[in-house]
N, C-alpha and C. Protein backbone atom coordinates (compact mmCIF):
# COMPACT_ATOMS: atom_id res chain seq x y z
N MET A 1 0.84 -1.17 0.00
CA MET A 1 0.00 0.00 0.00
C MET A 1 0.88 1.23 0.00
N ARG A 2 0.33 2.32 -0.46
CA ARG A 2 1.10 3.56 -0.53
C ARG A 2 0.58 4.54 0.51
N ILE A 3 1.52 5.10 1.26
CA ILE A 3 1.20 6.14 2.24
C ILE A 3 2.13 7.31 1.95
N LYS A 4 1.55 8.46 1.67
CA LYS A 4 2.29 9.66 1.30
C LYS A 4 3.19 9.42 0.09
N GLY A 5 2.74 8.60 -0.83
CA GLY A 5 3.49 8.33 -2.04
C GLY A 5 4.60 7.30 -1.89
N ARG A 6 4.80 6.74 -0.71
CA ARG A 6 5.84 5.74 -0.48
C ARG A 6 5.20 4.39 -0.19
N TRP A 7 5.88 3.34 -0.63
CA TRP A 7 5.38 1.99 -0.36
C TRP A 7 5.56 1.65 1.11
N THR A 8 4.53 1.11 1.70
CA THR A 8 4.55 0.65 3.08
C THR A 8 4.04 -0.79 3.09
N TYR A 9 4.73 -1.63 3.83
CA TYR A 9 4.38 -3.05 3.86
C TYR A 9 3.42 -3.34 5.00
N LEU A 10 2.45 -4.17 4.71
CA LEU A 10 1.45 -4.56 5.70
C LEU A 10 1.72 -5.99 6.13
N TYR A 11 2.10 -6.16 7.38
CA TYR A 11 2.21 -7.49 7.97
C TYR A 11 0.88 -7.76 8.66
N ARG A 12 0.29 -8.93 8.43
CA ARG A 12 -1.02 -9.23 8.98
C ARG A 12 -1.05 -10.69 9.42
N ALA A 13 -1.52 -10.93 10.62
CA ALA A 13 -1.66 -12.29 11.15
C ALA A 13 -3.14 -12.62 11.23
N VAL A 14 -3.47 -13.81 10.73
CA VAL A 14 -4.86 -14.26 10.68
C VAL A 14 -4.92 -15.65 11.31
N ASP A 15 -5.94 -15.91 12.15
CA ASP A 15 -6.07 -17.25 12.72
C ASP A 15 -6.77 -18.18 11.72
N LYS A 16 -6.97 -19.43 12.10
CA LYS A 16 -7.50 -20.40 11.14
C LYS A 16 -8.96 -20.15 10.77
N GLU A 17 -9.67 -19.35 11.56
CA GLU A 17 -11.04 -18.99 11.21
C GLU A 17 -11.10 -17.77 10.30
N GLY A 18 -9.97 -17.13 10.05
CA GLY A 18 -9.93 -15.96 9.19
C GLY A 18 -10.05 -14.64 9.94
N GLU A 19 -10.05 -14.68 11.25
CA GLU A 19 -10.12 -13.46 12.06
C GLU A 19 -8.72 -12.85 12.20
N THR A 20 -8.64 -11.53 12.14
CA THR A 20 -7.36 -10.85 12.25
C THR A 20 -6.86 -10.90 13.68
N VAL A 21 -5.62 -11.35 13.85
CA VAL A 21 -4.98 -11.40 15.16
C VAL A 21 -4.27 -10.08 15.42
N ASP A 22 -3.45 -9.65 14.46
CA ASP A 22 -2.68 -8.42 14.61
C ASP A 22 -2.20 -7.97 13.24
N PHE A 23 -1.83 -6.69 13.12
CA PHE A 23 -1.25 -6.19 11.90
C PHE A 23 -0.21 -5.12 12.24
N LEU A 24 0.70 -4.89 11.30
CA LEU A 24 1.77 -3.91 11.49
C LEU A 24 2.08 -3.28 10.14
N LEU A 25 2.11 -1.96 10.10
CA LEU A 25 2.55 -1.24 8.91
C LEU A 25 4.00 -0.84 9.12
N CYS A 26 4.85 -1.14 8.13
CA CYS A 26 6.28 -0.90 8.28
C CYS A 26 6.86 -0.42 6.95
N ALA A 27 7.86 0.46 7.03
CA ALA A 27 8.48 1.00 5.82
C ALA A 27 9.38 -0.01 5.13
N LYS A 28 9.95 -0.94 5.88
CA LYS A 28 10.87 -1.92 5.31
C LYS A 28 10.33 -3.33 5.50
N ARG A 29 10.76 -4.21 4.62
CA ARG A 29 10.39 -5.62 4.73
C ARG A 29 11.68 -6.41 4.97
N ASP A 30 12.15 -6.35 6.21
CA ASP A 30 13.40 -7.02 6.55
C ASP A 30 13.20 -7.89 7.79
N VAL A 31 14.29 -8.48 8.25
CA VAL A 31 14.22 -9.41 9.38
C VAL A 31 13.76 -8.69 10.65
N ALA A 32 14.26 -7.47 10.88
CA ALA A 32 13.90 -6.73 12.10
C ALA A 32 12.40 -6.43 12.14
N ALA A 33 11.83 -6.03 11.01
CA ALA A 33 10.40 -5.74 10.97
C ALA A 33 9.58 -7.00 11.18
N ALA A 34 10.00 -8.09 10.56
CA ALA A 34 9.28 -9.36 10.72
C ALA A 34 9.37 -9.87 12.15
N ARG A 35 10.54 -9.73 12.78
CA ARG A 35 10.70 -10.13 14.19
C ARG A 35 9.77 -9.33 15.09
N ALA A 36 9.74 -8.02 14.89
CA ALA A 36 8.88 -7.16 15.71
C ALA A 36 7.42 -7.56 15.56
N PHE A 37 7.02 -7.84 14.34
CA PHE A 37 5.63 -8.23 14.12
C PHE A 37 5.31 -9.58 14.76
N LEU A 38 6.19 -10.55 14.60
CA LEU A 38 5.93 -11.88 15.17
C LEU A 38 5.91 -11.84 16.69
N HIS A 39 6.81 -11.07 17.30
CA HIS A 39 6.78 -10.92 18.77
C HIS A 39 5.43 -10.36 19.21
N ARG A 40 4.99 -9.32 18.51
CA ARG A 40 3.74 -8.67 18.86
C ARG A 40 2.53 -9.60 18.66
N ALA A 41 2.53 -10.34 17.55
CA ALA A 41 1.41 -11.24 17.26
C ALA A 41 1.34 -12.40 18.25
N PHE A 42 2.49 -12.99 18.59
CA PHE A 42 2.51 -14.10 19.55
C PHE A 42 2.11 -13.61 20.93
N LYS A 43 2.54 -12.40 21.28
CA LYS A 43 2.21 -11.85 22.60
C LYS A 43 0.70 -11.58 22.71
N SER A 44 0.09 -11.09 21.64
CA SER A 44 -1.34 -10.80 21.69
C SER A 44 -2.18 -12.08 21.76
N GLN A 45 -1.67 -13.17 21.20
CA GLN A 45 -2.37 -14.45 21.27
C GLN A 45 -2.20 -15.11 22.63
N GLY A 46 -1.06 -14.89 23.26
CA GLY A 46 -0.82 -15.49 24.56
C GLY A 46 -0.18 -16.86 24.51
N ARG A 47 -0.10 -17.45 23.33
CA ARG A 47 0.52 -18.77 23.18
C ARG A 47 1.06 -18.88 21.77
N LEU A 48 1.90 -19.88 21.56
CA LEU A 48 2.45 -20.11 20.23
C LEU A 48 1.46 -20.90 19.38
N PRO A 49 1.40 -20.62 18.10
CA PRO A 49 0.50 -21.39 17.23
C PRO A 49 1.09 -22.75 16.89
N ARG A 50 0.24 -23.64 16.40
CA ARG A 50 0.72 -24.97 15.96
C ARG A 50 1.48 -24.86 14.64
N ALA A 51 1.04 -23.96 13.77
CA ALA A 51 1.69 -23.79 12.47
C ALA A 51 1.66 -22.31 12.09
N VAL A 52 2.71 -21.89 11.40
CA VAL A 52 2.82 -20.53 10.88
C VAL A 52 2.99 -20.65 9.38
N THR A 53 2.09 -20.03 8.62
CA THR A 53 2.17 -20.05 7.16
C THR A 53 2.69 -18.70 6.70
N LEU A 54 3.78 -18.73 5.94
CA LEU A 54 4.42 -17.51 5.47
C LEU A 54 4.47 -17.48 3.96
N ASP A 55 4.67 -16.28 3.42
CA ASP A 55 4.88 -16.18 1.98
C ASP A 55 6.34 -16.51 1.66
N GLY A 56 6.79 -16.24 0.47
CA GLY A 56 8.13 -16.64 0.06
C GLY A 56 9.26 -15.75 0.53
N CYS A 57 8.98 -14.69 1.27
CA CYS A 57 10.01 -13.76 1.73
C CYS A 57 10.93 -14.46 2.74
N GLN A 58 12.21 -14.52 2.43
CA GLN A 58 13.17 -15.22 3.28
C GLN A 58 13.39 -14.51 4.61
N ALA A 59 13.20 -13.19 4.63
CA ALA A 59 13.35 -12.45 5.90
C ALA A 59 12.30 -12.90 6.91
N SER A 60 11.09 -13.16 6.45
CA SER A 60 10.03 -13.63 7.35
C SER A 60 10.34 -15.02 7.88
N HIS A 61 10.87 -15.89 7.03
CA HIS A 61 11.22 -17.25 7.47
C HIS A 61 12.33 -17.21 8.52
N ARG A 62 13.34 -16.39 8.27
CA ARG A 62 14.44 -16.28 9.23
C ARG A 62 13.96 -15.72 10.57
N ALA A 63 13.12 -14.68 10.51
CA ALA A 63 12.60 -14.08 11.73
C ALA A 63 11.73 -15.08 12.50
N ALA A 64 10.94 -15.87 11.80
CA ALA A 64 10.08 -16.86 12.47
C ALA A 64 10.94 -17.91 13.17
N ARG A 65 12.00 -18.38 12.50
CA ARG A 65 12.90 -19.36 13.14
C ARG A 65 13.55 -18.77 14.39
N GLU A 66 13.97 -17.50 14.32
CA GLU A 66 14.62 -16.86 15.46
C GLU A 66 13.65 -16.68 16.62
N VAL A 67 12.45 -16.19 16.33
CA VAL A 67 11.47 -15.94 17.39
C VAL A 67 11.03 -17.25 18.03
N LEU A 68 10.78 -18.27 17.23
CA LEU A 68 10.38 -19.56 17.79
C LEU A 68 11.53 -20.23 18.54
N GLY A 69 12.76 -19.97 18.13
CA GLY A 69 13.92 -20.52 18.83
C GLY A 69 14.10 -19.95 20.23
N GLU A 70 13.55 -18.77 20.47
CA GLU A 70 13.65 -18.14 21.79
C GLU A 70 12.71 -18.78 22.81
N HIS A 71 11.65 -19.41 22.33
CA HIS A 71 10.67 -20.04 23.23
C HIS A 71 11.04 -21.49 23.45
N ARG A 72 10.77 -21.98 24.63
CA ARG A 72 11.17 -23.37 24.91
C ARG A 72 10.31 -24.38 24.18
N ARG A 73 9.09 -24.03 23.81
CA ARG A 73 8.23 -24.93 23.05
C ARG A 73 8.11 -24.50 21.59
N GLY A 74 9.03 -23.70 21.14
CA GLY A 74 9.00 -23.21 19.77
C GLY A 74 9.24 -24.26 18.72
N GLU A 75 9.92 -25.35 19.09
CA GLU A 75 10.20 -26.40 18.11
C GLU A 75 8.94 -27.17 17.70
N ARG A 76 7.87 -27.04 18.47
CA ARG A 76 6.61 -27.71 18.15
C ARG A 76 5.86 -27.01 17.02
N THR A 77 6.13 -25.74 16.81
CA THR A 77 5.45 -24.97 15.78
C THR A 77 6.06 -25.24 14.42
N LYS A 78 5.22 -25.58 13.45
CA LYS A 78 5.70 -25.83 12.09
C LYS A 78 5.67 -24.52 11.30
N ILE A 79 6.73 -24.29 10.55
CA ILE A 79 6.79 -23.14 9.64
C ILE A 79 6.56 -23.69 8.24
N ARG A 80 5.50 -23.20 7.59
CA ARG A 80 5.19 -23.70 6.26
C ARG A 80 5.11 -22.53 5.28
N SER A 81 5.35 -22.86 4.04
CA SER A 81 5.29 -21.87 2.99
C SER A 81 4.75 -22.54 1.74
N SER A 82 3.66 -22.04 1.25
CA SER A 82 3.08 -22.60 0.05
C SER A 82 2.19 -21.56 -0.61
N LYS A 83 2.12 -21.66 -1.89
CA LYS A 83 1.28 -20.75 -2.65
C LYS A 83 -0.19 -20.93 -2.27
N TYR A 84 -0.61 -22.14 -2.02
CA TYR A 84 -2.02 -22.43 -1.77
C TYR A 84 -2.39 -22.32 -0.29
N LEU A 85 -1.44 -22.53 0.61
CA LEU A 85 -1.74 -22.39 2.03
C LEU A 85 -1.96 -20.94 2.41
N ASN A 86 -1.43 -20.03 1.61
CA ASN A 86 -1.50 -18.60 1.90
C ASN A 86 -2.82 -17.97 1.45
N ASN A 87 -3.74 -18.76 0.88
CA ASN A 87 -4.98 -18.21 0.34
C ASN A 87 -5.83 -17.52 1.40
N LEU A 88 -5.86 -18.02 2.62
CA LEU A 88 -6.66 -17.42 3.68
C LEU A 88 -6.20 -15.99 3.95
N ILE A 89 -4.91 -15.77 3.94
CA ILE A 89 -4.36 -14.44 4.18
C ILE A 89 -4.65 -13.53 2.98
N GLU A 90 -4.49 -14.06 1.78
CA GLU A 90 -4.75 -13.27 0.59
C GLU A 90 -6.22 -12.87 0.51
N GLN A 91 -7.12 -13.74 0.92
CA GLN A 91 -8.53 -13.39 0.94
C GLN A 91 -8.81 -12.31 1.97
N ASP A 92 -8.06 -12.32 3.05
CA ASP A 92 -8.21 -11.30 4.07
C ASP A 92 -7.73 -9.94 3.55
N HIS A 93 -6.71 -9.96 2.70
CA HIS A 93 -6.20 -8.71 2.11
C HIS A 93 -7.18 -8.12 1.10
N ARG A 94 -8.06 -8.95 0.57
CA ARG A 94 -8.98 -8.48 -0.46
C ARG A 94 -9.83 -7.32 0.02
N SER A 95 -10.35 -7.40 1.24
CA SER A 95 -11.19 -6.32 1.76
C SER A 95 -10.41 -5.03 1.92
N ILE A 96 -9.15 -5.13 2.26
CA ILE A 96 -8.32 -3.93 2.39
C ILE A 96 -8.06 -3.32 1.02
N LYS A 97 -7.74 -4.17 0.05
CA LYS A 97 -7.47 -3.67 -1.30
C LYS A 97 -8.71 -3.01 -1.91
N LEU A 98 -9.89 -3.59 -1.66
CA LEU A 98 -11.12 -3.00 -2.18
C LEU A 98 -11.39 -1.64 -1.56
N ARG A 99 -11.07 -1.49 -0.30
CA ARG A 99 -11.33 -0.24 0.40
C ARG A 99 -10.32 0.85 0.02
N LEU A 100 -9.05 0.48 -0.11
CA LEU A 100 -8.00 1.47 -0.35
C LEU A 100 -7.79 1.80 -1.82
N GLY A 101 -8.28 0.95 -2.72
CA GLY A 101 -8.10 1.20 -4.15
C GLY A 101 -8.67 2.53 -4.61
N PRO A 102 -9.95 2.80 -4.36
CA PRO A 102 -10.53 4.08 -4.79
C PRO A 102 -9.93 5.29 -4.05
N MET A 103 -9.33 5.06 -2.90
CA MET A 103 -8.78 6.17 -2.12
C MET A 103 -7.44 6.67 -2.67
N LEU A 104 -6.80 5.88 -3.55
CA LEU A 104 -5.51 6.23 -4.15
C LEU A 104 -4.43 6.47 -3.10
N GLY A 105 -4.42 5.66 -2.08
CA GLY A 105 -3.41 5.78 -1.03
C GLY A 105 -3.89 6.62 0.13
N LEU A 106 -3.08 6.70 1.15
CA LEU A 106 -3.42 7.47 2.35
C LEU A 106 -2.33 8.50 2.62
N LYS A 107 -2.65 9.49 3.41
CA LYS A 107 -1.71 10.58 3.67
C LYS A 107 -0.85 10.37 4.91
N ARG A 108 -1.40 9.68 5.92
CA ARG A 108 -0.65 9.50 7.17
C ARG A 108 -0.68 8.05 7.62
N LEU A 109 0.38 7.65 8.30
CA LEU A 109 0.47 6.29 8.83
C LEU A 109 -0.60 6.04 9.87
N ARG A 110 -0.90 7.04 10.68
CA ARG A 110 -1.93 6.89 11.71
C ARG A 110 -3.31 6.64 11.09
N SER A 111 -3.66 7.40 10.05
CA SER A 111 -4.96 7.19 9.41
C SER A 111 -5.02 5.84 8.71
N ALA A 112 -3.88 5.37 8.20
CA ALA A 112 -3.84 4.04 7.57
C ALA A 112 -4.09 2.96 8.60
N SER A 113 -3.45 3.07 9.76
CA SER A 113 -3.63 2.03 10.78
C SER A 113 -5.05 2.05 11.33
N ILE A 114 -5.66 3.21 11.45
CA ILE A 114 -7.05 3.29 11.92
C ILE A 114 -7.99 2.67 10.89
N THR A 115 -7.75 2.95 9.61
CA THR A 115 -8.58 2.40 8.55
C THR A 115 -8.48 0.88 8.50
N ILE A 116 -7.27 0.37 8.58
CA ILE A 116 -7.08 -1.09 8.54
C ILE A 116 -7.66 -1.76 9.77
N ALA A 117 -7.54 -1.12 10.92
CA ALA A 117 -8.12 -1.70 12.14
C ALA A 117 -9.64 -1.78 12.02
N GLY A 118 -10.25 -0.84 11.33
CA GLY A 118 -11.70 -0.84 11.13
C GLY A 118 -12.16 -1.92 10.18
N ILE A 119 -11.30 -2.26 9.24
CA ILE A 119 -11.65 -3.31 8.26
C ILE A 119 -11.52 -4.65 8.91
């Protein structure tokens, strides 16, 4: 998504029912941003998930391995990556894309986070 004419990455966690767990808007898509998001998402859930499905970004995979390695039961969580397993997340992004498309981007990061939280 574009905020003030710059690309901003949306990290979004969804549970198996399709409900949003947490989201994070970040200027970069690197290991540090992915680590921050995963820490925040796991903390809001209160427990580690059985499986984590990620896209093909290697920074996300590395961050997931590091974050799960810090927990004593982190080895029980499976990290998976597949084009078809990611459909639940992509369907969740559809509502955001439909809402933000006609708006031609947003002006402030705060208004973007409020809009996404409402969706």
